Amino acid sequence: MSTPLETSAMDVDGSSDRGRSSPSSIRSDSSQISYTDDYKTLPSSGPDSHAHIIDLSYYAELAKEDGMIKLQDAIVTTLFSASPETLASFLSPTVNTFKAVFGKKDVQLVIWRKGLEVFVGAYENHTSMKSFRFEHVAGFLIGYDGAWHPKVTASNAYSSSKWPDVWAGKFEDRGGVAKMTVEVQEAAMAGRASTLAEYMLNTKYWELKADIKLT
């Protein structure tokens, strides 16, 4: 995204304990979401602004409420469900750039980190127009303490199909019935982020083929 972001050291690296039995799931104080302790550096008891692994067996039973699902939780849950190693690469401070594209057709998902900046979006690849149309998109900064800070969210945003343009935030409104919207206020960003989070979990992107690049 084009919003200027600061950089600082990431302190969220760790390893997975997926092979062992998880302790009982812990429910968030602010919602009915249940978290697991399957990844030791993302504990279920972590602050609300941190990322947590969602217990998907409970998620399926939830009555959805606006703002209930945190996008950072959906991101790490998707990566962990793809494989613990995928999440480890995303969190590793020795990996400068992590980019995962899930799916090959219809609406794809990109989870992209450079340093402490994170970009996530659900998009369609319009090859005939050499364009991406992002249904939902969000940009975050991960703090040195592991807190996720939303910077901007948007919907119905078009860009060229060149990934450097996407990272640079070169989005535009191409008209039509659905107009591009951009949110910068906290409540509006939280609503858009939650919509994207629910879409990610309901689509189960971790079950689709992923193209992952690390540098």
C-alpha atoms as a PDB file:
ATOM      1  CA  MET A   1       0.000   0.000   0.000  1.00  0.00           C
ATOM      2  CA  SER A   2       1.124   3.557  -0.548  1.00  0.00           C
ATOM      3  CA  THR A   3       0.695   4.635   3.074  1.00  0.00           C
ATOM      4  CA  PRO A   4       4.167   5.372   4.522  1.00  0.00           C
ATOM      5  CA  LEU A   5       5.045   2.770   7.146  1.00  0.00           C
ATOM      6  CA  GLU A   6       7.816   2.671   9.723  1.00  0.00           C
ATOM      7  CA  THR A   7      10.164  -0.278  10.163  1.00  0.00           C
ATOM      8  CA  SER A   8      11.421  -1.972  13.303  1.00  0.00           C
ATOM      9  CA  ALA A   9      12.615  -5.420  14.352  1.00  0.00           C
ATOM     10  CA  MET A  10      10.082  -8.238  14.260  1.00  0.00           C
ATOM     11  CA  ASP A  11       9.832 -10.309  17.412  1.00  0.00           C
ATOM     12  CA  VAL A  12       7.289 -12.923  16.398  1.00  0.00           C
ATOM     13  CA  ASP A  13       9.358 -15.819  15.088  1.00  0.00           C
ATOM     14  CA  GLY A  14       8.875 -19.288  16.527  1.00  0.00           C
ATOM     15  CA  SER A  15       8.148 -22.907  15.803  1.00  0.00           C
ATOM     16  CA  SER A  16       5.044 -25.019  15.605  1.00  0.00           C
ATOM     17  CA  ASP A  17       3.825 -27.637  18.023  1.00  0.00           C
ATOM     18  CA  ARG A  18       1.166 -28.914  15.648  1.00  0.00           C
ATOM     19  CA  GLY A  19       2.130 -32.511  16.151  1.00  0.00           C
ATOM     20  CA  ARG A  20       1.165 -32.572  19.818  1.00  0.00           C
ATOM     21  CA  SER A  21      -2.298 -32.415  21.318  1.00  0.00           C
ATOM     22  CA  SER A  22      -3.458 -28.837  21.774  1.00  0.00           C
ATOM     23  CA  PRO A  23      -4.569 -27.543  25.134  1.00  0.00           C
ATOM     24  CA  SER A  24      -8.254 -26.723  25.344  1.00  0.00           C
ATOM     25  CA  SER A  25      -9.181 -23.811  23.171  1.00  0.00           C
ATOM     26  CA  ILE A  26      -9.413 -20.423  24.834  1.00  0.00           C
ATOM     27  CA  ARG A  27     -12.209 -18.060  23.910  1.00  0.00           C
ATOM     28  CA  SER A  28     -11.450 -14.404  23.306  1.00  0.00           C
ATOM     29  CA  ASP A  29     -12.809 -12.023  25.948  1.00  0.00           C
ATOM     30  CA  SER A  30     -14.107  -9.699  23.219  1.00  0.00           C
ATOM     31  CA  SER A  31     -15.981 -12.297  21.146  1.00  0.00           C
ATOM     32  CA  GLN A  32     -16.975 -15.932  20.877  1.00  0.00           C
ATOM     33  CA  ILE A  33     -13.932 -16.787  18.776  1.00  0.00           C
ATOM     34  CA  SER A  34     -11.912 -19.715  20.121  1.00  0.00           C
ATOM     35  CA  TYR A  35      -8.134 -19.691  19.751  1.00  0.00           C
ATOM     36  CA  THR A  36      -5.642 -22.530  20.030  1.00  0.00           C
ATOM     37  CA  ASP A  37      -2.087 -22.761  21.336  1.00  0.00           C
ATOM     38  CA  ASP A  38      -0.919 -24.835  18.367  1.00  0.00           C
ATOM     39  CA  TYR A  39       1.800 -22.282  17.531  1.00  0.00           C
ATOM     40  CA  LYS A  40       3.762 -21.355  20.613  1.00  0.00           C
ATOM     41  CA  THR A  41       4.674 -17.757  19.725  1.00  0.00           C
ATOM     42  CA  LEU A  42       1.047 -16.936  18.865  1.00  0.00           C
ATOM     43  CA  PRO A  43      -0.597 -17.848  22.180  1.00  0.00           C
ATOM     44  CA  SER A  44      -4.360 -17.853  22.599  1.00  0.00           C
ATOM     45  CA  SER A  45      -3.920 -15.481  25.549  1.00  0.00           C
ATOM     46  CA  GLY A  46      -2.166 -12.825  23.453  1.00  0.00           C
ATOM     47  CA  PRO A  47      -3.495  -9.239  23.313  1.00  0.00           C
ATOM     48  CA  ASP A  48      -6.405  -8.462  21.007  1.00  0.00           C
ATOM     49  CA  SER A  49      -4.125  -6.579  18.604  1.00  0.00           C
ATOM     50  CA  HIS A  50      -1.866  -9.623  18.149  1.00  0.00           C
ATOM     51  CA  ALA A  51      -2.434 -12.550  15.787  1.00  0.00           C
ATOM     52  CA  HIS A  52      -3.983 -15.809  17.027  1.00  0.00           C
ATOM     53  CA  ILE A  53      -4.678 -19.227  15.532  1.00  0.00           C
ATOM     54  CA  ILE A  54      -8.456 -19.653  15.310  1.00  0.00           C
ATOM     55  CA  ASP A  55      -9.922 -22.993  16.354  1.00  0.00           C
ATOM     56  CA  LEU A  56     -11.726 -23.778  13.102  1.00  0.00           C
ATOM     57  CA  SER A  57     -13.853 -26.520  14.653  1.00  0.00           C
ATOM     58  CA  TYR A  58     -15.563 -23.840  16.764  1.00  0.00           C
ATOM     59  CA  TYR A  59     -15.535 -21.212  14.028  1.00  0.00           C
ATOM     60  CA  ALA A  60     -17.953 -23.258  11.918  1.00  0.00           C
ATOM     61  CA  GLU A  61     -20.537 -23.010  14.707  1.00  0.00           C
ATOM     62  CA  LEU A  62     -20.329 -19.258  15.197  1.00  0.00           C
ATOM     63  CA  ALA A  63     -23.191 -16.879  14.623  1.00  0.00           C
ATOM     64  CA  LYS A  64     -21.399 -14.199  12.607  1.00  0.00           C
ATOM     65  CA  GLU A  65     -21.286 -10.699  14.037  1.00  0.00           C
ATOM     66  CA  ASP A  66     -19.827  -7.604  12.401  1.00  0.00           C
ATOM     67  CA  GLY A  67     -16.283  -6.983  13.519  1.00  0.00           C
ATOM     68  CA  MET A  68     -15.942 -10.351  15.243  1.00  0.00           C
ATOM     69  CA  ILE A  69     -13.155 -11.827  13.115  1.00  0.00           C
ATOM     70  CA  LYS A  70      -9.789 -10.069  13.194  1.00  0.00           C
ATOM     71  CA  LEU A  71      -7.997 -10.090   9.850  1.00  0.00           C
ATOM     72  CA  GLN A  72      -4.620 -10.834  11.434  1.00  0.00           C
ATOM     73  CA  ASP A  73      -6.176 -13.959  12.983  1.00  0.00           C
ATOM     74  CA  ALA A  74      -7.548 -15.069   9.613  1.00  0.00           C
ATOM     75  CA  ILE A  75      -4.146 -14.500   7.976  1.00  0.00           C
ATOM     76  CA  VAL A  76      -2.116 -16.613  10.397  1.00  0.00           C
ATOM     77  CA  THR A  77      -4.854 -19.258  10.602  1.00  0.00           C
ATOM     78  CA  THR A  78      -4.865 -19.589   6.816  1.00  0.00           C
ATOM     79  CA  LEU A  79      -1.077 -19.879   6.675  1.00  0.00           C
ATOM     80  CA  PHE A  80      -0.907 -22.342   9.582  1.00  0.00           C
ATOM     81  CA  SER A  81      -3.684 -24.465   8.072  1.00  0.00           C
ATOM     82  CA  ALA A  82      -1.745 -24.568   4.793  1.00  0.00           C
ATOM     83  CA  SER A  83       1.237 -25.847   6.803  1.00  0.00           C
ATOM     84  CA  PRO A  84       3.083 -24.835   9.983  1.00  0.00           C
ATOM     85  CA  GLU A  85       6.180 -24.303   7.841  1.00  0.00           C
ATOM     86  CA  THR A  86       4.323 -21.744   5.726  1.00  0.00           C
ATOM     87  CA  LEU A  87       3.413 -19.742   8.816  1.00  0.00           C
ATOM     88  CA  ALA A  88       6.967 -20.055  10.138  1.00  0.00           C
ATOM     89  CA  SER A  89       8.301 -18.530   6.918  1.00  0.00           C
ATOM     90  CA  PHE A  90       5.804 -15.676   7.130  1.00  0.00           C
ATOM     91  CA  LEU A  91       6.845 -14.878  10.704  1.00  0.00           C
ATOM     92  CA  SER A  92      10.582 -15.420  10.304  1.00  0.00           C
ATOM     93  CA  PRO A  93      12.706 -12.268  10.759  1.00  0.00           C
ATOM     94  CA  THR A  94      15.286 -13.807   8.416  1.00  0.00           C
ATOM     95  CA  VAL A  95      12.764 -13.838   5.551  1.00  0.00           C
ATOM     96  CA  ASN A  96      12.616 -10.306   4.188  1.00  0.00           C
ATOM     97  CA  THR A  97       9.829 -10.890   1.675  1.00  0.00           C
ATOM     98  CA  PHE A  98       7.063 -13.493   1.881  1.00  0.00           C
ATOM     99  CA  LYS A  99       4.412 -13.733  -0.813  1.00  0.00           C
ATOM    100  CA  ALA A 100       1.752 -16.436  -1.062  1.00  0.00           C
ATOM    101  CA  VAL A 101      -0.922 -16.540  -3.764  1.00  0.00           C
ATOM    102  CA  PHE A 102      -3.699 -19.057  -3.105  1.00  0.00           C
ATOM    103  CA  GLY A 103      -5.822 -20.383  -5.959  1.00  0.00           C
ATOM    104  CA  LYS A 104      -5.374 -20.326  -9.719  1.00  0.00           C
ATOM    105  CA  LYS A 105      -8.762 -19.038 -10.909  1.00  0.00           C
ATOM    106  CA  ASP A 106     -11.911 -17.288  -9.714  1.00  0.00           C
ATOM    107  CA  VAL A 107     -11.126 -15.127  -6.670  1.00  0.00           C
ATOM    108  CA  GLN A 108      -7.530 -15.634  -5.561  1.00  0.00           C
ATOM    109  CA  LEU A 109      -5.914 -14.578  -2.293  1.00  0.00           C
ATOM    110  CA  VAL A 110      -2.560 -12.876  -1.840  1.00  0.00           C
ATOM    111  CA  ILE A 111      -0.784 -12.595   1.519  1.00  0.00           C
ATOM    112  CA  TRP A 112       2.358 -10.516   1.094  1.00  0.00           C
ATOM    113  CA  ARG A 113       4.872  -9.279   3.650  1.00  0.00           C
ATOM    114  CA  LYS A 114       7.897  -7.067   3.102  1.00  0.00           C
ATOM    115  CA  GLY A 115       9.729  -6.424   6.338  1.00  0.00           C
ATOM    116  CA  LEU A 116       7.009  -5.446   8.791  1.00  0.00           C
ATOM    117  CA  GLU A 117       4.475  -4.312   6.194  1.00  0.00           C
ATOM    118  CA  VAL A 118       1.701  -6.751   5.287  1.00  0.00           C
ATOM    119  CA  PHE A 119      -0.637  -6.581   2.290  1.00  0.00           C
ATOM    120  CA  VAL A 120      -3.587  -8.951   1.917  1.00  0.00           C
ATOM    121  CA  GLY A 121      -6.276  -9.011  -0.725  1.00  0.00           C
ATOM    122  CA  ALA A 122      -8.889 -11.134  -2.476  1.00  0.00           C
ATOM    123  CA  TYR A 123      -8.742 -10.465  -6.195  1.00  0.00           C
ATOM    124  CA  GLU A 124      -9.753 -11.503  -9.704  1.00  0.00           C
ATOM    125  CA  ASN A 125      -7.173 -11.631 -12.485  1.00  0.00           C
ATOM    126  CA  HIS A 126      -8.700 -10.042 -15.603  1.00  0.00           C
ATOM    127  CA  THR A 127      -6.099 -11.238 -18.081  1.00  0.00           C
ATOM    128  CA  SER A 128      -7.764  -9.623 -21.106  1.00  0.00           C
ATOM    129  CA  MET A 129      -7.473  -6.206 -19.440  1.00  0.00           C
ATOM    130  CA  LYS A 130      -4.107  -6.973 -17.811  1.00  0.00           C
ATOM    131  CA  SER A 131      -5.698  -5.930 -14.537  1.00  0.00           C
ATOM    132  CA  PHE A 132      -6.393  -7.175 -11.037  1.00  0.00           C
ATOM    133  CA  ARG A 133      -9.700  -6.316  -9.400  1.00  0.00           C
ATOM    134  CA  PHE A 134      -9.444  -6.477  -5.625  1.00  0.00           C
ATOM    135  CA  GLU A 135     -12.780  -7.170  -3.962  1.00  0.00           C
ATOM    136  CA  HIS A 136     -11.224  -6.444  -0.570  1.00  0.00           C
ATOM    137  CA  VAL A 137      -7.717  -5.316   0.328  1.00  0.00           C
ATOM    138  CA  ALA A 138      -5.924  -4.271   3.519  1.00  0.00           C
ATOM    139  CA  GLY A 139      -2.515  -3.033   4.594  1.00  0.00           C
ATOM    140  CA  PHE A 140      -0.954  -3.529   8.043  1.00  0.00           C
ATOM    141  CA  LEU A 141       2.188  -2.670   9.949  1.00  0.00           C
ATOM    142  CA  ILE A 142       3.395  -5.239  12.496  1.00  0.00           C
ATOM    143  CA  GLY A 143       4.922  -3.549  15.535  1.00  0.00           C
ATOM    144  CA  TYR A 144       8.090  -4.667  17.308  1.00  0.00           C
ATOM    145  CA  ASP A 145       5.878  -6.094  20.064  1.00  0.00           C
ATOM    146  CA  GLY A 146       3.821  -8.233  17.670  1.00  0.00           C
ATOM    147  CA  ALA A 147       0.803  -5.902  17.496  1.00  0.00           C
ATOM    148  CA  TRP A 148      -0.868  -5.496  14.099  1.00  0.00           C
ATOM    149  CA  HIS A 149      -1.754  -1.917  13.131  1.00  0.00           C
ATOM    150  CA  PRO A 150      -4.182  -1.417  10.205  1.00  0.00           C
ATOM    151  CA  LYS A 151      -3.134   1.382   7.851  1.00  0.00           C
ATOM    152  CA  VAL A 152      -5.717   1.337   5.069  1.00  0.00           C
ATOM    153  CA  THR A 153      -8.448  -0.865   3.599  1.00  0.00           C
ATOM    154  CA  ALA A 154     -10.310  -0.685   0.297  1.00  0.00           C
ATOM    155  CA  SER A 155     -12.834  -2.498  -1.877  1.00  0.00           C
ATOM    156  CA  ASN A 156     -13.499  -2.806  -5.611  1.00  0.00           C
ATOM    157  CA  ALA A 157      -9.992  -1.503  -6.310  1.00  0.00           C
ATOM    158  CA  TYR A 158      -8.390  -2.026  -9.717  1.00  0.00           C
ATOM    159  CA  SER A 159      -4.687  -2.135 -10.473  1.00  0.00           C
ATOM    160  CA  SER A 160      -2.473  -3.280 -13.299  1.00  0.00           C
ATOM    161  CA  SER A 161      -1.470  -6.934 -13.115  1.00  0.00           C
ATOM    162  CA  LYS A 162       2.083  -5.891 -12.256  1.00  0.00           C
ATOM    163  CA  TRP A 163       2.768  -6.787  -8.638  1.00  0.00           C
ATOM    164  CA  PRO A 164       5.106  -3.814  -7.998  1.00  0.00           C
ATOM    165  CA  ASP A 165       2.157  -1.526  -8.842  1.00  0.00           C
ATOM    166  CA  VAL A 166      -0.026  -3.413  -6.373  1.00  0.00           C
ATOM    167  CA  TRP A 167       2.522  -3.037  -3.565  1.00  0.00           C
ATOM    168  CA  ALA A 168       2.931   0.662  -4.398  1.00  0.00           C
ATOM    169  CA  GLY A 169      -0.808   1.153  -3.893  1.00  0.00           C
ATOM    170  CA  LYS A 170      -1.535   2.171  -7.493  1.00  0.00           C
ATOM    171  CA  PHE A 171      -5.261   1.445  -7.363  1.00  0.00           C
ATOM    172  CA  GLU A 172      -8.041   3.160  -9.260  1.00  0.00           C
ATOM    173  CA  ASP A 173     -11.810   3.312  -9.573  1.00  0.00           C
ATOM    174  CA  ARG A 174     -12.912   2.078 -12.983  1.00  0.00           C
ATOM    175  CA  GLY A 175     -16.548   3.004 -12.547  1.00  0.00           C
ATOM    176  CA  GLY A 176     -19.542   0.749 -12.913  1.00  0.00           C
ATOM    177  CA  VAL A 177     -22.168  -0.023 -10.312  1.00  0.00           C
ATOM    178  CA  ALA A 178     -19.643  -0.869  -7.592  1.00  0.00           C
ATOM    179  CA  LYS A 179     -17.431   2.116  -6.821  1.00  0.00           C
ATOM    180  CA  MET A 180     -14.034   1.847  -5.198  1.00  0.00           C
ATOM    181  CA  THR A 181     -14.082   2.719  -1.522  1.00  0.00           C
ATOM    182  CA  VAL A 182     -11.081   3.486   0.668  1.00  0.00           C
ATOM    183  CA  GLU A 183     -11.239   3.429   4.471  1.00  0.00           C
ATOM    184  CA  VAL A 184      -8.757   5.167   6.754  1.00  0.00           C
ATOM    185  CA  GLN A 185     -10.835   5.595   9.921  1.00  0.00           C
ATOM    186  CA  GLU A 186     -10.351   2.873  12.522  1.00  0.00           C
ATOM    187  CA  ALA A 187     -13.965   1.660  12.714  1.00  0.00           C
ATOM    188  CA  ALA A 188     -14.381   1.555   8.937  1.00  0.00           C
ATOM    189  CA  MET A 189     -11.081  -0.277   8.475  1.00  0.00           C
ATOM    190  CA  ALA A 190     -12.075  -2.815  11.136  1.00  0.00           C
ATOM    191  CA  GLY A 191     -15.351  -3.513   9.340  1.00  0.00           C
ATOM    192  CA  ARG A 192     -13.699  -4.022   5.953  1.00  0.00           C
ATOM    193  CA  ALA A 193     -10.933  -6.156   7.483  1.00  0.00           C
ATOM    194  CA  SER A 194     -13.491  -8.359   9.230  1.00  0.00           C
ATOM    195  CA  THR A 195     -15.410  -8.849   5.976  1.00  0.00           C
ATOM    196  CA  LEU A 196     -12.221 -10.003   4.261  1.00  0.00           C
ATOM    197  CA  ALA A 197     -11.319 -12.227   7.223  1.00  0.00           C
ATOM    198  CA  GLU A 198     -14.674 -14.023   7.113  1.00  0.00           C
ATOM    199  CA  TYR A 199     -14.387 -14.457   3.352  1.00  0.00           C
ATOM    200  CA  MET A 200     -10.915 -15.984   3.708  1.00  0.00           C
ATOM    201  CA  LEU A 201     -12.027 -18.485   6.344  1.00  0.00           C
ATOM    202  CA  ASN A 202     -15.273 -19.412   4.598  1.00  0.00           C
ATOM    203  CA  THR A 203     -13.438 -19.981   1.294  1.00  0.00           C
ATOM    204  CA  LYS A 204     -10.810 -22.179   3.022  1.00  0.00           C
ATOM    205  CA  TYR A 205      -7.960 -20.911   0.886  1.00  0.00           C
ATOM    206  CA  TRP A 206      -5.530 -23.224   2.677  1.00  0.00           C
ATOM    207  CA  GLU A 207      -7.094 -26.124   0.758  1.00  0.00           C
ATOM    208  CA  LEU A 208      -6.121 -24.560  -2.590  1.00  0.00           C
ATOM    209  CA  LYS A 209      -2.776 -24.754  -4.345  1.00  0.00           C
ATOM    210  CA  ALA A 210      -0.457 -21.950  -3.234  1.00  0.00           C
ATOM    211  CA  ASP A 211       2.420 -20.291  -5.045  1.00  0.00           C
ATOM    212  CA  ILE A 212       4.849 -19.150  -2.331  1.00  0.00           C
ATOM    213  CA  LYS A 213       7.950 -17.046  -2.890  1.00  0.00           C
ATOM    214  CA  LEU A 214      10.529 -16.106  -0.237  1.00  0.00           C
ATOM    215  CA  THR A 215      13.513 -13.770  -0.342  1.00  0.00           C
END
